C-alpha atoms as a PDB file:
ATOM      1  CA  MET A   1     -51.588 -37.689 -71.121  1.00  0.00           C
ATOM      2  CA  GLY A   2     -54.760 -37.813 -73.258  1.00  0.00           C
ATOM      3  CA  VAL A   3     -56.808 -34.788 -74.369  1.00  0.00           C
ATOM      4  CA  PRO A   4     -58.135 -32.928 -71.357  1.00  0.00           C
ATOM      5  CA  ASP A   5     -61.837 -32.942 -71.031  1.00  0.00           C
ATOM      6  CA  SER A   6     -62.221 -31.121 -67.629  1.00  0.00           C
ATOM      7  CA  LYS A   7     -60.906 -28.003 -66.009  1.00  0.00           C
ATOM      8  CA  GLN A   8     -58.525 -29.955 -63.785  1.00  0.00           C
ATOM      9  CA  GLU A   9     -57.116 -31.977 -66.544  1.00  0.00           C
ATOM     10  CA  LEU A  10     -56.640 -28.795 -68.655  1.00  0.00           C
ATOM     11  CA  GLN A  11     -54.764 -27.147 -65.795  1.00  0.00           C
ATOM     12  CA  ASP A  12     -52.642 -30.307 -65.343  1.00  0.00           C
ATOM     13  CA  ALA A  13     -51.849 -30.548 -69.077  1.00  0.00           C
ATOM     14  CA  ILE A  14     -50.723 -26.932 -69.212  1.00  0.00           C
ATOM     15  CA  SER A  15     -48.553 -27.269 -66.055  1.00  0.00           C
ATOM     16  CA  GLU A  16     -47.001 -30.561 -67.059  1.00  0.00           C
ATOM     17  CA  ARG A  17     -46.261 -29.702 -70.720  1.00  0.00           C
ATOM     18  CA  PHE A  18     -44.962 -26.220 -69.798  1.00  0.00           C
ATOM     19  CA  THR A  19     -42.686 -27.761 -67.194  1.00  0.00           C
ATOM     20  CA  LYS A  20     -41.257 -30.158 -69.810  1.00  0.00           C
ATOM     21  CA  PHE A  21     -40.816 -27.377 -72.324  1.00  0.00           C
ATOM     22  CA  GLU A  22     -38.975 -25.341 -69.681  1.00  0.00           C
ATOM     23  CA  ALA A  23     -36.572 -28.161 -69.051  1.00  0.00           C
ATOM     24  CA  ALA A  24     -35.791 -28.499 -72.751  1.00  0.00           C
ATOM     25  CA  LEU A  25     -35.412 -24.656 -73.015  1.00  0.00           C
ATOM     26  CA  ALA A  26     -32.993 -24.732 -70.091  1.00  0.00           C
ATOM     27  CA  SER A  27     -30.683 -27.020 -72.058  1.00  0.00           C
ATOM     28  CA  VAL A  28     -30.207 -24.386 -74.812  1.00  0.00           C
ATOM     29  CA  PRO A  29     -26.730 -22.688 -74.343  1.00  0.00           C
ATOM     30  CA  LYS A  30     -26.785 -18.937 -74.232  1.00  0.00           C
ATOM     31  CA  VAL A  31     -24.613 -18.681 -77.290  1.00  0.00           C
ATOM     32  CA  ALA A  32     -27.264 -20.673 -79.302  1.00  0.00           C
ATOM     33  CA  GLN A  33     -30.347 -18.856 -78.105  1.00  0.00           C
ATOM     34  CA  ASN A  34     -30.535 -16.626 -81.173  1.00  0.00           C
ATOM     35  CA  GLU A  35     -29.169 -19.057 -83.729  1.00  0.00           C
ATOM     36  CA  LYS A  36     -31.708 -19.311 -86.667  1.00  0.00           C
ATOM     37  CA  THR A  37     -30.796 -22.948 -87.310  1.00  0.00           C
ATOM     38  CA  MET A  38     -34.120 -24.644 -86.261  1.00  0.00           C
ATOM     39  CA  GLU A  39     -36.877 -25.518 -88.745  1.00  0.00           C
ATOM     40  CA  GLY A  40     -39.389 -22.618 -88.640  1.00  0.00           C
ATOM     41  CA  HIS A  41     -43.096 -22.807 -88.545  1.00  0.00           C
ATOM     42  CA  ALA A  42     -43.408 -21.681 -92.154  1.00  0.00           C
ATOM     43  CA  LYS A  43     -42.225 -23.981 -94.845  1.00  0.00           C
ATOM     44  CA  GLY A  44     -38.650 -23.214 -95.867  1.00  0.00           C
ATOM     45  CA  THR A  45     -37.918 -20.897 -92.940  1.00  0.00           C
ATOM     46  CA  LEU A  46     -35.550 -21.126 -90.082  1.00  0.00           C
ATOM     47  CA  MET A  47     -35.968 -19.925 -86.493  1.00  0.00           C
ATOM     48  CA  SER A  48     -33.967 -19.676 -83.251  1.00  0.00           C
ATOM     49  CA  PRO A  49     -34.905 -20.877 -79.872  1.00  0.00           C
ATOM     50  CA  ALA A  50     -35.750 -17.216 -79.053  1.00  0.00           C
ATOM     51  CA  ASP A  51     -38.180 -17.191 -81.955  1.00  0.00           C
ATOM     52  CA  LEU A  52     -39.774 -20.327 -80.536  1.00  0.00           C
ATOM     53  CA  VAL A  53     -40.431 -18.453 -77.319  1.00  0.00           C
ATOM     54  CA  SER A  54     -41.844 -15.604 -79.274  1.00  0.00           C
ATOM     55  CA  TYR A  55     -44.126 -18.002 -81.017  1.00  0.00           C
ATOM     56  CA  LEU A  56     -45.475 -19.296 -77.638  1.00  0.00           C
ATOM     57  CA  ILE A  57     -45.930 -15.810 -76.291  1.00  0.00           C
ATOM     58  CA  GLY A  58     -47.897 -14.961 -79.392  1.00  0.00           C
ATOM     59  CA  TRP A  59     -50.246 -17.903 -79.079  1.00  0.00           C
ATOM     60  CA  ASN A  60     -50.741 -17.525 -75.306  1.00  0.00           C
ATOM     61  CA  SER A  61     -51.528 -13.892 -75.922  1.00  0.00           C
ATOM     62  CA  LEU A  62     -54.012 -14.732 -78.527  1.00  0.00           C
ATOM     63  CA  VAL A  63     -55.803 -17.131 -76.171  1.00  0.00           C
ATOM     64  CA  LEU A  64     -56.157 -14.344 -73.628  1.00  0.00           C
ATOM     65  CA  LYS A  65     -57.335 -11.902 -76.289  1.00  0.00           C
ATOM     66  CA  TRP A  66     -60.047 -14.449 -77.390  1.00  0.00           C
ATOM     67  CA  LEU A  67     -61.158 -14.871 -73.788  1.00  0.00           C
ATOM     68  CA  THR A  68     -61.294 -11.202 -73.131  1.00  0.00           C
ATOM     69  CA  LEU A  69     -63.248 -10.385 -76.280  1.00  0.00           C
ATOM     70  CA  ASP A  70     -65.690 -13.193 -75.516  1.00  0.00           C
ATOM     71  CA  ASP A  71     -66.149 -12.091 -71.904  1.00  0.00           C
ATOM     72  CA  ALA A  72     -66.958  -8.583 -73.215  1.00  0.00           C
ATOM     73  CA  GLY A  73     -69.634  -9.993 -75.610  1.00  0.00           C
ATOM     74  CA  HIS A  74     -67.574  -9.243 -78.832  1.00  0.00           C
ATOM     75  CA  SER A  75     -67.201 -11.657 -81.560  1.00  0.00           C
ATOM     76  CA  VAL A  76     -63.811 -13.489 -81.839  1.00  0.00           C
ATOM     77  CA  VAL A  77     -61.976 -13.806 -85.104  1.00  0.00           C
ATOM     78  CA  PHE A  78     -60.138 -17.112 -85.054  1.00  0.00           C
ATOM     79  CA  PRO A  79     -57.168 -17.452 -85.167  1.00  0.00           C
ATOM     80  CA  GLU A  80     -56.600 -13.757 -85.608  1.00  0.00           C
ATOM     81  CA  VAL A  81     -57.715 -10.916 -87.831  1.00  0.00           C
ATOM     82  CA  GLY A  82     -56.128 -11.321 -91.236  1.00  0.00           C
ATOM     83  CA  TYR A  83     -55.009 -14.972 -90.599  1.00  0.00           C
ATOM     84  CA  LYS A  84     -56.511 -18.267 -91.491  1.00  0.00           C
ATOM     85  CA  TRP A  85     -56.104 -21.587 -89.800  1.00  0.00           C
ATOM     86  CA  ASN A  86     -54.715 -23.131 -92.937  1.00  0.00           C
ATOM     87  CA  ALA A  87     -51.904 -20.624 -93.294  1.00  0.00           C
ATOM     88  CA  LEU A  88     -50.408 -20.263 -89.826  1.00  0.00           C
ATOM     89  CA  GLY A  89     -46.802 -19.832 -90.905  1.00  0.00           C
ATOM     90  CA  ALA A  90     -47.406 -16.182 -91.563  1.00  0.00           C
ATOM     91  CA  LEU A  91     -48.845 -15.759 -88.091  1.00  0.00           C
ATOM     92  CA  ALA A  92     -45.814 -17.441 -86.648  1.00  0.00           C
ATOM     93  CA  GLN A  93     -43.628 -14.993 -88.592  1.00  0.00           C
ATOM     94  CA  LYS A  94     -45.674 -12.166 -87.111  1.00  0.00           C
ATOM     95  CA  PHE A  95     -45.072 -13.515 -83.551  1.00  0.00           C
ATOM     96  CA  TYR A  96     -41.317 -13.714 -84.208  1.00  0.00           C
ATOM     97  CA  ALA A  97     -41.361 -10.070 -85.305  1.00  0.00           C
ATOM     98  CA  ASP A  98     -43.615  -8.850 -82.514  1.00  0.00           C
ATOM     99  CA  TYR A  99     -40.972  -9.805 -79.863  1.00  0.00           C
ATOM    100  CA  GLU A 100     -37.767  -9.566 -81.867  1.00  0.00           C
ATOM    101  CA  ASP A 101     -36.549  -6.539 -79.919  1.00  0.00           C
ATOM    102  CA  LEU A 102     -36.740  -8.385 -76.506  1.00  0.00           C
ATOM    103  CA  SER A 103     -33.773 -10.211 -75.057  1.00  0.00           C
ATOM    104  CA  PHE A 104     -34.051 -13.933 -74.629  1.00  0.00           C
ATOM    105  CA  ASP A 105     -34.453 -13.476 -70.848  1.00  0.00           C
ATOM    106  CA  ASP A 106     -37.268 -10.762 -71.366  1.00  0.00           C
ATOM    107  CA  LYS A 107     -39.034 -13.200 -73.813  1.00  0.00           C
ATOM    108  CA  HIS A 108     -38.810 -15.940 -71.290  1.00  0.00           C
ATOM    109  CA  ALA A 109     -40.198 -13.683 -68.539  1.00  0.00           C
ATOM    110  CA  ARG A 110     -42.993 -12.654 -70.777  1.00  0.00           C
ATOM    111  CA  LEU A 111     -43.887 -16.204 -71.610  1.00  0.00           C
ATOM    112  CA  LEU A 112     -43.969 -17.097 -67.959  1.00  0.00           C
ATOM    113  CA  ALA A 113     -46.250 -14.118 -67.196  1.00  0.00           C
ATOM    114  CA  VAL A 114     -48.705 -14.841 -70.071  1.00  0.00           C
ATOM    115  CA  LYS A 115     -48.770 -18.569 -69.101  1.00  0.00           C
ATOM    116  CA  GLN A 116     -49.519 -17.682 -65.509  1.00  0.00           C
ATOM    117  CA  GLN A 117     -52.292 -15.318 -66.616  1.00  0.00           C
ATOM    118  CA  ILE A 118     -53.970 -18.148 -68.643  1.00  0.00           C
ATOM    119  CA  THR A 119     -53.644 -20.438 -65.593  1.00  0.00           C
ATOM    120  CA  LYS A 120     -55.270 -17.864 -63.434  1.00  0.00           C
ATOM    121  CA  ASP A 121     -57.954 -17.190 -65.947  1.00  0.00           C
ATOM    122  CA  ILE A 122     -58.801 -20.834 -66.223  1.00  0.00           C
ATOM    123  CA  SER A 123     -59.002 -21.181 -62.493  1.00  0.00           C
ATOM    124  CA  GLN A 124     -61.597 -18.539 -62.384  1.00  0.00           C
ATOM    125  CA  ARG A 125     -63.970 -19.994 -64.948  1.00  0.00           C
ATOM    126  CA  PRO A 126     -66.639 -22.564 -64.132  1.00  0.00           C
ATOM    127  CA  GLU A 127     -66.247 -26.133 -65.569  1.00  0.00           C
ATOM    128  CA  ASN A 128     -69.384 -25.690 -67.596  1.00  0.00           C
ATOM    129  CA  GLU A 129     -68.062 -22.616 -69.368  1.00  0.00           C
ATOM    130  CA  LEU A 130     -64.871 -24.490 -70.382  1.00  0.00           C
ATOM    131  CA  TYR A 131     -66.466 -27.850 -71.281  1.00  0.00           C
ATOM    132  CA  GLY A 132     -70.159 -27.476 -71.398  1.00  0.00           C
ATOM    133  CA  ALA A 133     -70.809 -26.291 -74.956  1.00  0.00           C
ATOM    134  CA  PRO A 134     -69.024 -25.651 -78.269  1.00  0.00           C
ATOM    135  CA  TRP A 135     -67.309 -22.303 -78.532  1.00  0.00           C
ATOM    136  CA  HIS A 136     -65.587 -22.328 -81.931  1.00  0.00           C
ATOM    137  CA  GLY A 137     -67.121 -24.677 -84.329  1.00  0.00           C
ATOM    138  CA  LYS A 138     -67.293 -28.026 -82.560  1.00  0.00           C
ATOM    139  CA  TRP A 139     -64.522 -27.109 -79.989  1.00  0.00           C
ATOM    140  CA  THR A 140     -65.288 -26.164 -76.356  1.00  0.00           C
ATOM    141  CA  LYS A 141     -63.488 -23.163 -74.791  1.00  0.00           C
ATOM    142  CA  GLY A 142     -61.356 -25.663 -72.837  1.00  0.00           C
ATOM    143  CA  ARG A 143     -60.431 -27.504 -75.946  1.00  0.00           C
ATOM    144  CA  MET A 144     -59.441 -24.302 -77.820  1.00  0.00           C
ATOM    145  CA  ILE A 145     -57.252 -23.214 -74.844  1.00  0.00           C
ATOM    146  CA  GLN A 146     -55.592 -26.620 -74.782  1.00  0.00           C
ATOM    147  CA  LEU A 147     -54.985 -26.624 -78.468  1.00  0.00           C
ATOM    148  CA  ASN A 148     -53.171 -23.309 -78.299  1.00  0.00           C
ATOM    149  CA  THR A 149     -51.301 -23.613 -75.032  1.00  0.00           C
ATOM    150  CA  SER A 150     -50.385 -27.100 -73.921  1.00  0.00           C
ATOM    151  CA  SER A 151     -50.165 -28.620 -77.343  1.00  0.00           C
ATOM    152  CA  PRO A 152     -47.802 -25.915 -78.577  1.00  0.00           C
ATOM    153  CA  TYR A 153     -45.792 -26.432 -75.451  1.00  0.00           C
ATOM    154  CA  GLU A 154     -45.397 -30.009 -76.276  1.00  0.00           C
ATOM    155  CA  ASN A 155     -44.597 -29.307 -79.960  1.00  0.00           C
ATOM    156  CA  ALA A 156     -42.020 -26.707 -78.919  1.00  0.00           C
ATOM    157  CA  ARG A 157     -40.335 -29.093 -76.526  1.00  0.00           C
ATOM    158  CA  GLY A 158     -40.084 -31.775 -79.323  1.00  0.00           C
ATOM    159  CA  ARG A 159     -38.638 -29.182 -81.762  1.00  0.00           C
ATOM    160  CA  LEU A 160     -36.050 -28.053 -79.172  1.00  0.00           C
ATOM    161  CA  ARG A 161     -35.119 -31.704 -78.481  1.00  0.00           C
ATOM    162  CA  LYS A 162     -34.796 -32.535 -82.168  1.00  0.00           C
ATOM    163  CA  TRP A 163     -32.788 -29.375 -82.804  1.00  0.00           C
ATOM    164  CA  THR A 164     -30.458 -29.938 -79.772  1.00  0.00           C
ATOM    165  CA  LYS A 165     -29.730 -33.350 -80.967  1.00  0.00           C
ATOM    166  CA  SER A 166     -29.141 -32.457 -84.535  1.00  0.00           C
ATOM    167  CA  SER A 167     -26.995 -29.496 -83.584  1.00  0.00           C
ATOM    168  CA  LYS A 168     -25.003 -31.723 -81.209  1.00  0.00           C
ATOM    169  CA  LEU A 169     -25.722 -29.464 -78.233  1.00  0.00           C
ATOM    170  CA  SER A 170     -26.738 -32.269 -75.899  1.00  0.00           C
END
């Protein structure tokens, strides 16, 4: 699937990539869900599959925050206040910590809920708002949503598959 350039393609990309991520996540045995043996998002760190879910919750929640701020006419600090695009490892660590007290199942439920909210939000926006003009630099709102939802789902799926194979869990 190429880079989405319409509302329908964005919705399809999010749905398809999330479904594939879910299949990879389902292959993680319960005993390994919190094992910090997967390469983390910051150089030299390790994370667990549960941390990976936290990471996705964090990005999905940020997307919703950006959209809410923009809808209210407020300026949006990308990616987040206190973080820069060229140093996202620290933001990943924040996401892991934000949800560390939740069980794996609770994290998974929260990820499903925030993904559904994004899907609902997209469905309520006109095509022109998503792809008619730049929103952040040269990127449209639709592209920014895609870069921070469906792309991370695909990346997370790849990380899980690599980890599963190297851990001999498959």
